[in-house]
Amino acid sequence: MEGDRMFDLIPTLSAVVIVAGFFGLILLILWVALPFSVFGIKPLMRQMIERLDKLNDRLEQIERTVAEKRIDVDDMEVDIDPAPRRLVSGRK
């Protein structure tokens, strides 16, 4: 009786071994491919850093330009119409 139970588990165990082996094979392939993907991304990261540096330089230039041309609104005399104007359409 004990021997029969052991033989009943063989199909289940073989399925588990097959699934674990398949998972291990996929993991092995990904582990081997990992260094290639890391070193392949490095030049792209360098390009992105260069582009970000250029964008930061442009933003700093824009900030300087805006600061130079900033107008103090408190010193200006502005006549503001308190009533909002309505657009009149030609339709009736």
N, C-alpha and C. Protein backbone atom coordinates (compact mmCIF):
# COMPACT_ATOMS: atom_id res chain seq x y z
N MET A 1 0.81 -1.19 0.00
CA MET A 1 0.00 0.00 0.00
C MET A 1 0.86 1.26 0.00
N GLU A 2 1.89 1.29 0.83
CA GLU A 2 2.76 2.46 0.87
C GLU A 2 3.46 2.64 -0.47
N GLY A 3 3.82 1.55 -1.10
CA GLY A 3 4.50 1.62 -2.39
C GLY A 3 3.59 2.17 -3.47
N ASP A 4 2.31 1.87 -3.38
CA ASP A 4 1.36 2.37 -4.37
C ASP A 4 1.21 3.90 -4.27
N ARG A 5 1.22 4.42 -3.07
CA ARG A 5 1.10 5.87 -2.89
C ARG A 5 2.31 6.58 -3.51
N MET A 6 3.47 5.98 -3.36
CA MET A 6 4.68 6.58 -3.91
C MET A 6 4.59 6.63 -5.43
N PHE A 7 4.11 5.58 -6.02
CA PHE A 7 3.99 5.56 -7.48
C PHE A 7 2.88 6.49 -7.97
N ASP A 8 1.91 6.78 -7.14
CA ASP A 8 0.85 7.73 -7.50
C ASP A 8 1.39 9.16 -7.55
N LEU A 9 2.42 9.46 -6.79
CA LEU A 9 2.98 10.81 -6.75
C LEU A 9 3.94 11.08 -7.90
N ILE A 10 4.39 10.07 -8.59
CA ILE A 10 5.38 10.25 -9.65
C ILE A 10 4.89 11.20 -10.74
N PRO A 11 3.68 11.11 -11.28
CA PRO A 11 3.26 12.07 -12.31
C PRO A 11 3.22 13.51 -11.79
N THR A 12 2.78 13.68 -10.55
CA THR A 12 2.73 15.02 -9.98
C THR A 12 4.13 15.58 -9.80
N LEU A 13 5.03 14.79 -9.27
CA LEU A 13 6.40 15.24 -9.07
C LEU A 13 7.10 15.52 -10.39
N SER A 14 6.84 14.72 -11.39
CA SER A 14 7.48 14.95 -12.68
C SER A 14 6.96 16.26 -13.30
N ALA A 15 5.69 16.58 -13.10
CA ALA A 15 5.15 17.84 -13.60
C ALA A 15 5.80 19.02 -12.87
N VAL A 16 6.00 18.90 -11.57
CA VAL A 16 6.64 19.96 -10.80
C VAL A 16 8.09 20.14 -11.25
N VAL A 17 8.78 19.04 -11.50
CA VAL A 17 10.18 19.12 -11.96
C VAL A 17 10.24 19.77 -13.33
N ILE A 18 9.31 19.47 -14.21
CA ILE A 18 9.30 20.06 -15.54
C ILE A 18 9.05 21.56 -15.45
N VAL A 19 8.08 21.98 -14.65
CA VAL A 19 7.79 23.41 -14.49
C VAL A 19 8.98 24.13 -13.86
N ALA A 20 9.59 23.55 -12.84
CA ALA A 20 10.75 24.16 -12.20
C ALA A 20 11.93 24.24 -13.17
N GLY A 21 12.11 23.21 -13.97
CA GLY A 21 13.19 23.23 -14.96
C GLY A 21 12.95 24.29 -16.02
N PHE A 22 11.73 24.44 -16.47
CA PHE A 22 11.39 25.46 -17.45
C PHE A 22 11.63 26.86 -16.86
N PHE A 23 11.19 27.07 -15.62
CA PHE A 23 11.42 28.34 -14.95
C PHE A 23 12.92 28.62 -14.78
N GLY A 24 13.67 27.61 -14.41
CA GLY A 24 15.12 27.75 -14.26
C GLY A 24 15.79 28.08 -15.59
N LEU A 25 15.33 27.48 -16.67
CA LEU A 25 15.90 27.76 -18.00
C LEU A 25 15.63 29.21 -18.41
N ILE A 26 14.41 29.68 -18.19
CA ILE A 26 14.08 31.08 -18.50
C ILE A 26 14.93 32.01 -17.65
N LEU A 27 15.09 31.70 -16.37
CA LEU A 27 15.90 32.52 -15.48
C LEU A 27 17.36 32.54 -15.92
N LEU A 28 17.87 31.42 -16.36
CA LEU A 28 19.25 31.34 -16.83
C LEU A 28 19.44 32.19 -18.09
N ILE A 29 18.50 32.15 -19.01
CA ILE A 29 18.60 32.95 -20.24
C ILE A 29 18.58 34.43 -19.90
N LEU A 30 17.68 34.84 -19.01
CA LEU A 30 17.62 36.25 -18.62
C LEU A 30 18.88 36.68 -17.89
N TRP A 31 19.43 35.82 -17.06
CA TRP A 31 20.65 36.14 -16.31
C TRP A 31 21.85 36.32 -17.26
N VAL A 32 21.89 35.52 -18.31
CA VAL A 32 22.98 35.64 -19.29
C VAL A 32 22.79 36.91 -20.12
N ALA A 33 21.56 37.29 -20.43
CA ALA A 33 21.29 38.47 -21.27
C ALA A 33 21.40 39.78 -20.49
N LEU A 34 21.35 39.73 -19.18
CA LEU A 34 21.36 40.94 -18.36
C LEU A 34 22.57 41.84 -18.59
N PRO A 35 23.79 41.35 -18.59
CA PRO A 35 24.93 42.25 -18.80
C PRO A 35 24.89 42.96 -20.15
N PHE A 36 24.44 42.26 -21.18
CA PHE A 36 24.37 42.87 -22.50
C PHE A 36 23.36 44.02 -22.53
N SER A 37 22.25 43.84 -21.84
CA SER A 37 21.25 44.91 -21.82
C SER A 37 21.74 46.10 -20.99
N VAL A 38 22.44 45.85 -19.91
CA VAL A 38 22.97 46.95 -19.08
C VAL A 38 23.99 47.75 -19.87
N PHE A 39 24.93 47.07 -20.50
CA PHE A 39 25.96 47.79 -21.26
C PHE A 39 25.39 48.41 -22.53
N GLY A 40 24.30 47.89 -23.04
CA GLY A 40 23.65 48.49 -24.20
C GLY A 40 22.91 49.77 -23.85
N ILE A 41 22.47 49.90 -22.61
CA ILE A 41 21.73 51.07 -22.18
C ILE A 41 22.66 52.23 -21.81
N LYS A 42 23.89 51.93 -21.43
CA LYS A 42 24.80 52.98 -20.97
C LYS A 42 24.98 54.13 -21.98
N PRO A 43 25.22 53.87 -23.27
CA PRO A 43 25.35 55.01 -24.20
C PRO A 43 24.07 55.83 -24.30
N LEU A 44 22.94 55.17 -24.24
CA LEU A 44 21.67 55.90 -24.29
C LEU A 44 21.51 56.80 -23.06
N MET A 45 21.93 56.31 -21.91
CA MET A 45 21.87 57.12 -20.70
C MET A 45 22.79 58.34 -20.81
N ARG A 46 23.96 58.15 -21.40
CA ARG A 46 24.88 59.28 -21.59
C ARG A 46 24.26 60.33 -22.50
N GLN A 47 23.60 59.88 -23.58
CA GLN A 47 22.93 60.82 -24.48
C GLN A 47 21.83 61.58 -23.75
N MET A 48 21.06 60.88 -22.93
CA MET A 48 19.98 61.54 -22.20
C MET A 48 20.54 62.56 -21.21
N ILE A 49 21.66 62.25 -20.57
CA ILE A 49 22.27 63.20 -19.63
C ILE A 49 22.74 64.44 -20.37
N GLU A 50 23.35 64.25 -21.54
CA GLU A 50 23.79 65.39 -22.34
C GLU A 50 22.61 66.26 -22.75
N ARG A 51 21.53 65.64 -23.17
CA ARG A 51 20.34 66.40 -23.57
C ARG A 51 19.75 67.16 -22.39
N LEU A 52 19.73 66.53 -21.21
CA LEU A 52 19.21 67.21 -20.04
C LEU A 52 20.09 68.39 -19.65
N ASP A 53 21.41 68.24 -19.80
CA ASP A 53 22.30 69.36 -19.52
C ASP A 53 22.03 70.53 -20.47
N LYS A 54 21.82 70.21 -21.75
CA LYS A 54 21.51 71.27 -22.72
C LYS A 54 20.19 71.95 -22.38
N LEU A 55 19.19 71.16 -22.00
CA LEU A 55 17.89 71.74 -21.62
C LEU A 55 18.02 72.63 -20.38
N ASN A 56 18.82 72.20 -19.41
CA ASN A 56 19.03 73.02 -18.22
C ASN A 56 19.70 74.34 -18.58
N ASP A 57 20.68 74.29 -19.48
CA ASP A 57 21.33 75.52 -19.93
C ASP A 57 20.34 76.46 -20.60
N ARG A 58 19.48 75.90 -21.46
CA ARG A 58 18.48 76.73 -22.14
C ARG A 58 17.49 77.32 -21.15
N LEU A 59 17.08 76.54 -20.15
CA LEU A 59 16.15 77.06 -19.15
C LEU A 59 16.79 78.17 -18.33
N GLU A 60 18.06 78.01 -17.99
CA GLU A 60 18.75 79.07 -17.26
C GLU A 60 18.83 80.35 -18.10
N GLN A 61 19.07 80.20 -19.39
CA GLN A 61 19.11 81.35 -20.29
C GLN A 61 17.75 82.04 -20.35
N ILE A 62 16.69 81.26 -20.43
CA ILE A 62 15.34 81.82 -20.46
C ILE A 62 15.04 82.54 -19.15
N GLU A 63 15.43 81.94 -18.03
CA GLU A 63 15.20 82.59 -16.74
C GLU A 63 15.93 83.92 -16.66
N ARG A 64 17.17 83.97 -17.15
CA ARG A 64 17.92 85.23 -17.14
C ARG A 64 17.24 86.28 -18.01
N THR A 65 16.76 85.86 -19.19
CA THR A 65 16.09 86.78 -20.10
C THR A 65 14.82 87.32 -19.47
N VAL A 66 14.05 86.47 -18.85
CA VAL A 66 12.81 86.91 -18.21
C VAL A 66 13.12 87.85 -17.05
N ALA A 67 14.15 87.53 -16.29
CA ALA A 67 14.51 88.39 -15.16
C ALA A 67 14.96 89.77 -15.64
N GLU A 68 15.65 89.83 -16.77
CA GLU A 68 16.10 91.11 -17.31
C GLU A 68 14.93 91.95 -17.82
N LYS A 69 13.93 91.29 -18.40
CA LYS A 69 12.82 92.01 -19.01
C LYS A 69 11.62 92.13 -18.09
N ARG A 70 11.78 91.76 -16.84
CA ARG A 70 10.66 91.79 -15.90
C ARG A 70 10.23 93.23 -15.68
N ILE A 71 8.94 93.46 -15.72
CA ILE A 71 8.36 94.79 -15.53
C ILE A 71 7.62 94.79 -14.22
N ASP A 72 7.88 95.77 -13.42
CA ASP A 72 7.19 95.88 -12.14
C ASP A 72 5.79 96.44 -12.39
N VAL A 73 4.78 95.67 -12.14
CA VAL A 73 3.41 96.03 -12.44
C VAL A 73 2.92 97.14 -11.50
N ASP A 74 3.45 97.23 -10.30
CA ASP A 74 3.00 98.24 -9.34
C ASP A 74 3.33 99.65 -9.83
N ASP A 75 4.37 99.82 -10.62
CA ASP A 75 4.76 101.14 -11.10
C ASP A 75 3.95 101.59 -12.31
N MET A 76 3.19 100.71 -12.90
CA MET A 76 2.45 101.04 -14.11
C MET A 76 1.06 101.58 -13.77
N GLU A 77 0.59 102.52 -14.57
CA GLU A 77 -0.78 103.00 -14.45
C GLU A 77 -1.60 102.29 -15.51
N VAL A 78 -2.55 101.53 -15.04
CA VAL A 78 -3.36 100.73 -15.95
C VAL A 78 -4.81 101.10 -15.74
N ASP A 79 -5.53 101.39 -16.85
CA ASP A 79 -6.95 101.69 -16.79
C ASP A 79 -7.70 100.40 -17.10
N ILE A 80 -8.34 99.86 -16.09
CA ILE A 80 -9.05 98.59 -16.26
C ILE A 80 -10.54 98.87 -16.25
N ASP A 81 -11.25 98.39 -17.27
CA ASP A 81 -12.69 98.52 -17.36
C ASP A 81 -13.31 97.53 -16.38
N PRO A 82 -14.06 98.00 -15.39
CA PRO A 82 -14.59 97.07 -14.38
C PRO A 82 -15.67 96.14 -14.93
N ALA A 83 -16.39 96.57 -15.97
CA ALA A 83 -17.45 95.73 -16.51
C ALA A 83 -16.87 94.87 -17.62
N PRO A 84 -17.11 93.58 -17.58
CA PRO A 84 -16.60 92.73 -18.65
C PRO A 84 -17.34 93.00 -19.95
N ARG A 85 -16.64 92.93 -21.02
CA ARG A 85 -17.27 93.16 -22.33
C ARG A 85 -17.86 91.86 -22.84
N ARG A 86 -19.03 92.00 -23.45
CA ARG A 86 -19.68 90.82 -23.98
C ARG A 86 -19.51 90.81 -25.49
N LEU A 87 -19.30 89.64 -25.99
CA LEU A 87 -19.21 89.48 -27.44
C LEU A 87 -20.62 89.44 -28.01
N VAL A 88 -20.84 90.19 -29.06
CA VAL A 88 -22.15 90.22 -29.70
C VAL A 88 -22.05 89.46 -31.01
N SER A 89 -22.89 88.46 -31.13
CA SER A 89 -22.87 87.70 -32.37
C SER A 89 -23.98 88.22 -33.30
N GLY A 90 -23.86 87.97 -34.56
CA GLY A 90 -24.83 88.45 -35.52
C GLY A 90 -26.08 87.59 -35.57
N ARG A 91 -26.16 86.55 -34.79
CA ARG A 91 -27.32 85.67 -34.83
C ARG A 91 -28.42 86.16 -33.89
N LYS A 92 -29.64 85.86 -34.25
CA LYS A 92 -30.78 86.19 -33.40
C LYS A 92 -31.54 84.96 -33.00
